[in-house]
């Protein structure tokens, strides 16, 4: 698993944890994005860091569409 993929998995865990504490899904996603960006900035390799930051900059609406399509696919 690449560093970017690990960060994505951890970010989704943060979103789920945020949902359990009563914040909205979008607020949880924003918090996870901020955390992910800070983790990305610690990556030494510039290309990997850029990929990580690009993934962290995915808008909530895009994330929601992707999530919905995964939920509805067989």
Foldseek 3Di string as FASTA:
>chain_A
DDPLVVLVVVLVVQLVVVVVVPDDSQVSLVVSLVVQLVVLVPDPDPVSSVVNNVVSPDHPVNVVVVVVVVVPDD
